[in-house]
Amino acid sequence: MQVLQVQLEVGPDPAEVGRARRWARSRLVGSGIGDDEPLAETLILLISELVTNAVVHTGCPAVLRMLFGAGAAEAGTVRVEVADNCSRPPRRRSADDDDTNGRGLELVDGLADRWGWEREGAGKAIWCEVDRGVPEMAYVRGPRGLATVRR
C-alpha cells in the first residue's frame, strides 16, 4: 500500500496551532476528505490537541505529519504525528469540571482509534490514527456550534 505523507514545521508559539489547523484542513480536502465530514472535524480536533500539547508543554518547535493511505477516500487510516525535541513523555492529567485545560490526551484517547508515543531522535513523536469511515465519536458543526455524534 502506498502512503502519502505531508508535514508542516510548527514554531514554539501558541499562534502556530491555528496555522496548523488551517494547513491540515487544506490537506484533508486535498486527500478527498470533505471539509464538512465528521472525519475531518475529528482529525482537526486531534491535530489541534496534539500541536497544542507540543507547543505549550515543551516550548520547542515541532513537526506535524499526516499520513494517508493511497486509494479510495473511504479506505485506509489517517495517521497524525507530532514530533518535538523534548524527551519528556506525554502525561495524562485529570481535569476537574471547572478546569480550562488538562483534557487534551483524554480527548485524543476518546476520539482516535489508536494513539501512543515513541522516542524519535532526541525527542518523541505522539501519534494517533483514525480509520476512515464514521468514527465512534465525532464533533460536527451544527446550528449552535459543535455537537457530538456517535455512530
C-alpha atoms as a PDB file:
ATOM      1  CA  MET A   1       0.000   0.000   0.000  1.00  0.00           C
ATOM      2  CA  GLN A   2       1.296   3.430  -0.894  1.00  0.00           C
ATOM      3  CA  VAL A   3       1.235   6.160   1.715  1.00  0.00           C
ATOM      4  CA  LEU A   4       1.182   9.900   1.131  1.00  0.00           C
ATOM      5  CA  GLN A   5       2.921  11.879   3.863  1.00  0.00           C
ATOM      6  CA  VAL A   6       2.712  15.647   4.260  1.00  0.00           C
ATOM      7  CA  GLN A   7       4.343  17.664   7.012  1.00  0.00           C
ATOM      8  CA  LEU A   8       4.476  21.147   8.464  1.00  0.00           C
ATOM      9  CA  GLU A   9       7.064  22.685  10.758  1.00  0.00           C
ATOM     10  CA  VAL A  10       5.420  24.395  13.732  1.00  0.00           C
ATOM     11  CA  GLY A  11       7.138  27.053  15.806  1.00  0.00           C
ATOM     12  CA  PRO A  12       7.001  27.190  19.628  1.00  0.00           C
ATOM     13  CA  ASP A  13       4.243  29.816  19.623  1.00  0.00           C
ATOM     14  CA  PRO A  14       0.588  29.138  20.559  1.00  0.00           C
ATOM     15  CA  ALA A  15      -0.486  31.125  17.456  1.00  0.00           C
ATOM     16  CA  GLU A  16       1.002  28.291  15.393  1.00  0.00           C
ATOM     17  CA  VAL A  17      -1.860  25.991  16.456  1.00  0.00           C
ATOM     18  CA  GLY A  18      -4.335  27.922  14.305  1.00  0.00           C
ATOM     19  CA  ARG A  19      -1.931  27.855  11.362  1.00  0.00           C
ATOM     20  CA  ALA A  20      -1.530  24.092  11.782  1.00  0.00           C
ATOM     21  CA  ARG A  21      -5.327  23.628  11.775  1.00  0.00           C
ATOM     22  CA  ARG A  22      -5.740  25.675   8.570  1.00  0.00           C
ATOM     23  CA  TRP A  23      -2.892  23.812   6.874  1.00  0.00           C
ATOM     24  CA  ALA A  24      -4.264  20.420   7.947  1.00  0.00           C
ATOM     25  CA  ARG A  25      -7.790  21.264   6.778  1.00  0.00           C
ATOM     26  CA  SER A  26      -6.486  22.098   3.295  1.00  0.00           C
ATOM     27  CA  ARG A  27      -4.511  18.831   3.173  1.00  0.00           C
ATOM     28  CA  LEU A  28      -7.564  16.826   4.259  1.00  0.00           C
ATOM     29  CA  VAL A  29      -9.628  18.343   1.450  1.00  0.00           C
ATOM     30  CA  GLY A  30      -6.788  17.561  -0.954  1.00  0.00           C
ATOM     31  CA  SER A  31      -6.863  13.923   0.155  1.00  0.00           C
ATOM     32  CA  GLY A  32     -10.569  13.584  -0.590  1.00  0.00           C
ATOM     33  CA  ILE A  33     -11.905  14.128   2.942  1.00  0.00           C
ATOM     34  CA  GLY A  34     -14.603  16.795   2.677  1.00  0.00           C
ATOM     35  CA  ASP A  35     -14.372  19.842   4.916  1.00  0.00           C
ATOM     36  CA  ASP A  36     -17.843  19.170   6.324  1.00  0.00           C
ATOM     37  CA  GLU A  37     -17.364  15.457   7.026  1.00  0.00           C
ATOM     38  CA  PRO A  38     -17.325  14.292  10.663  1.00  0.00           C
ATOM     39  CA  LEU A  39     -13.950  12.628   9.954  1.00  0.00           C
ATOM     40  CA  ALA A  40     -12.417  16.000   9.032  1.00  0.00           C
ATOM     41  CA  GLU A  41     -13.755  17.653  12.194  1.00  0.00           C
ATOM     42  CA  THR A  42     -12.416  14.807  14.322  1.00  0.00           C
ATOM     43  CA  LEU A  43      -8.979  14.948  12.700  1.00  0.00           C
ATOM     44  CA  ILE A  44      -8.767  18.741  13.053  1.00  0.00           C
ATOM     45  CA  LEU A  45      -9.618  18.467  16.757  1.00  0.00           C
ATOM     46  CA  LEU A  46      -6.969  15.756  17.240  1.00  0.00           C
ATOM     47  CA  ILE A  47      -4.382  17.847  15.392  1.00  0.00           C
ATOM     48  CA  SER A  48      -5.260  20.887  17.459  1.00  0.00           C
ATOM     49  CA  GLU A  49      -4.813  18.956  20.722  1.00  0.00           C
ATOM     50  CA  LEU A  50      -1.512  17.310  19.735  1.00  0.00           C
ATOM     51  CA  VAL A  51       0.033  20.512  18.364  1.00  0.00           C
ATOM     52  CA  THR A  52      -1.156  22.485  21.404  1.00  0.00           C
ATOM     53  CA  ASN A  53       0.434  19.912  23.720  1.00  0.00           C
ATOM     54  CA  ALA A  54       3.733  20.135  21.854  1.00  0.00           C
ATOM     55  CA  VAL A  55       3.802  23.931  21.777  1.00  0.00           C
ATOM     56  CA  VAL A  56       2.547  24.588  25.313  1.00  0.00           C
ATOM     57  CA  HIS A  57       4.202  21.776  27.268  1.00  0.00           C
ATOM     58  CA  THR A  58       7.608  21.634  25.562  1.00  0.00           C
ATOM     59  CA  GLY A  59       8.280  25.173  24.348  1.00  0.00           C
ATOM     60  CA  CYS A  60      10.077  23.522  21.403  1.00  0.00           C
ATOM     61  CA  PRO A  61       9.396  23.652  17.677  1.00  0.00           C
ATOM     62  CA  ALA A  62       7.523  20.621  16.373  1.00  0.00           C
ATOM     63  CA  VAL A  63       6.713  18.847  13.134  1.00  0.00           C
ATOM     64  CA  LEU A  64       3.136  17.922  12.269  1.00  0.00           C
ATOM     65  CA  ARG A  65       2.858  14.953   9.910  1.00  0.00           C
ATOM     66  CA  MET A  66      -0.249  13.484   8.306  1.00  0.00           C
ATOM     67  CA  LEU A  67      -0.113  10.143   6.529  1.00  0.00           C
ATOM     68  CA  PHE A  68      -2.829   8.980   4.154  1.00  0.00           C
ATOM     69  CA  GLY A  69      -3.182   5.546   2.572  1.00  0.00           C
ATOM     70  CA  ALA A  70      -3.466   5.661  -1.221  1.00  0.00           C
ATOM     71  CA  GLY A  71      -6.709   4.654  -2.901  1.00  0.00           C
ATOM     72  CA  ALA A  72     -10.356   5.426  -2.326  1.00  0.00           C
ATOM     73  CA  ALA A  73     -11.211   8.157   0.177  1.00  0.00           C
ATOM     74  CA  GLU A  74     -13.121   5.740   2.374  1.00  0.00           C
ATOM     75  CA  ALA A  75     -10.317   3.159   2.545  1.00  0.00           C
ATOM     76  CA  GLY A  76      -7.442   3.035   4.999  1.00  0.00           C
ATOM     77  CA  THR A  77      -6.360   5.004   8.005  1.00  0.00           C
ATOM     78  CA  VAL A  78      -5.264   8.589   8.563  1.00  0.00           C
ATOM     79  CA  ARG A  79      -2.291   8.875  10.903  1.00  0.00           C
ATOM     80  CA  VAL A  80      -1.349  12.138  12.605  1.00  0.00           C
ATOM     81  CA  GLU A  81       2.048  12.559  14.253  1.00  0.00           C
ATOM     82  CA  VAL A  82       3.510  15.498  16.130  1.00  0.00           C
ATOM     83  CA  ALA A  83       7.235  15.230  16.802  1.00  0.00           C
ATOM     84  CA  ASP A  84       9.212  17.547  19.073  1.00  0.00           C
ATOM     85  CA  ASN A  85      12.711  17.697  20.547  1.00  0.00           C
ATOM     86  CA  CYS A  86      11.626  17.221  24.155  1.00  0.00           C
ATOM     87  CA  SER A  87      12.389  13.766  25.543  1.00  0.00           C
ATOM     88  CA  ARG A  88       9.851  14.081  28.379  1.00  0.00           C
ATOM     89  CA  PRO A  89       6.987  11.618  27.727  1.00  0.00           C
ATOM     90  CA  PRO A  90       3.417  12.874  27.458  1.00  0.00           C
ATOM     91  CA  ARG A  91       1.490  12.768  30.710  1.00  0.00           C
ATOM     92  CA  ARG A  92      -2.242  12.353  31.035  1.00  0.00           C
ATOM     93  CA  ARG A  93      -3.785  14.747  33.502  1.00  0.00           C
ATOM     94  CA  SER A  94      -7.066  14.550  35.302  1.00  0.00           C
ATOM     95  CA  ALA A  95      -9.008  17.796  34.962  1.00  0.00           C
ATOM     96  CA  ASP A  96     -11.717  18.920  37.339  1.00  0.00           C
ATOM     97  CA  ASP A  97     -15.059  20.054  35.897  1.00  0.00           C
ATOM     98  CA  ASP A  98     -14.188  23.740  36.081  1.00  0.00           C
ATOM     99  CA  ASP A  99     -10.581  23.426  34.813  1.00  0.00           C
ATOM    100  CA  THR A 100      -9.943  25.145  31.486  1.00  0.00           C
ATOM    101  CA  ASN A 101      -7.205  22.748  30.380  1.00  0.00           C
ATOM    102  CA  GLY A 102      -5.824  19.292  31.102  1.00  0.00           C
ATOM    103  CA  ARG A 103      -8.147  17.293  28.836  1.00  0.00           C
ATOM    104  CA  GLY A 104      -6.046  17.050  25.668  1.00  0.00           C
ATOM    105  CA  LEU A 105      -4.913  13.450  25.898  1.00  0.00           C
ATOM    106  CA  GLU A 106      -8.337  12.402  27.203  1.00  0.00           C
ATOM    107  CA  LEU A 107      -9.853  13.834  24.023  1.00  0.00           C
ATOM    108  CA  VAL A 108      -7.240  12.076  21.905  1.00  0.00           C
ATOM    109  CA  ASP A 109      -7.996   8.805  23.699  1.00  0.00           C
ATOM    110  CA  GLY A 110     -11.727   9.227  23.158  1.00  0.00           C
ATOM    111  CA  LEU A 111     -11.619  10.290  19.516  1.00  0.00           C
ATOM    112  CA  ALA A 112      -8.762   8.307  17.970  1.00  0.00           C
ATOM    113  CA  ASP A 113      -8.995   4.632  17.118  1.00  0.00           C
ATOM    114  CA  ARG A 114      -5.417   4.224  18.375  1.00  0.00           C
ATOM    115  CA  TRP A 115      -2.784   6.518  19.832  1.00  0.00           C
ATOM    116  CA  GLY A 116       0.571   6.399  21.526  1.00  0.00           C
ATOM    117  CA  TRP A 117       4.023   7.879  21.574  1.00  0.00           C
ATOM    118  CA  GLU A 118       7.544   6.767  20.757  1.00  0.00           C
ATOM    119  CA  ARG A 119      11.055   8.111  21.057  1.00  0.00           C
ATOM    120  CA  GLU A 120      12.265   9.878  17.937  1.00  0.00           C
ATOM    121  CA  GLY A 121      15.848  11.071  17.847  1.00  0.00           C
ATOM    122  CA  ALA A 122      16.494  13.188  20.936  1.00  0.00           C
ATOM    123  CA  GLY A 123      12.768  13.810  21.372  1.00  0.00           C
ATOM    124  CA  LYS A 124       9.487  11.997  20.811  1.00  0.00           C
ATOM    125  CA  ALA A 125       6.545  11.680  18.462  1.00  0.00           C
ATOM    126  CA  ILE A 126       2.962  11.450  19.673  1.00  0.00           C
ATOM    127  CA  TRP A 127       0.702   9.805  17.122  1.00  0.00           C
ATOM    128  CA  CYS A 128      -2.916   8.880  16.635  1.00  0.00           C
ATOM    129  CA  GLU A 129      -4.816   7.001  13.964  1.00  0.00           C
ATOM    130  CA  VAL A 130      -8.388   7.317  12.763  1.00  0.00           C
ATOM    131  CA  ASP A 131      -9.844   4.706  10.475  1.00  0.00           C
ATOM    132  CA  ARG A 132     -11.677   6.199   7.524  1.00  0.00           C
ATOM    133  CA  GLY A 133     -15.422   5.899   7.700  1.00  0.00           C
ATOM    134  CA  VAL A 134     -17.556   7.320  10.505  1.00  0.00           C
ATOM    135  CA  PRO A 135     -15.573   7.439  13.772  1.00  0.00           C
ATOM    136  CA  GLU A 136     -17.122   6.198  17.010  1.00  0.00           C
ATOM    137  CA  MET A 137     -17.419   9.790  18.193  1.00  0.00           C
ATOM    138  CA  ALA A 138     -17.040  12.914  16.128  1.00  0.00           C
ATOM    139  CA  TYR A 139     -17.576  16.618  16.523  1.00  0.00           C
ATOM    140  CA  VAL A 140     -19.596  18.241  13.766  1.00  0.00           C
ATOM    141  CA  ARG A 141     -20.798  21.772  13.137  1.00  0.00           C
ATOM    142  CA  GLY A 142     -24.444  22.336  13.900  1.00  0.00           C
ATOM    143  CA  PRO A 143     -26.644  25.418  14.131  1.00  0.00           C
ATOM    144  CA  ARG A 144     -25.428  26.032  17.701  1.00  0.00           C
ATOM    145  CA  GLY A 145     -21.726  25.283  17.258  1.00  0.00           C
ATOM    146  CA  LEU A 146     -20.014  21.932  17.733  1.00  0.00           C
ATOM    147  CA  ALA A 147     -22.093  18.888  18.605  1.00  0.00           C
ATOM    148  CA  THR A 148     -21.072  15.339  19.448  1.00  0.00           C
ATOM    149  CA  VAL A 149     -22.465  12.500  17.369  1.00  0.00           C
ATOM    150  CA  ARG A 150     -21.972   8.798  17.891  1.00  0.00           C
ATOM    151  CA  ARG A 151     -22.061   6.052  15.323  1.00  0.00           C
END
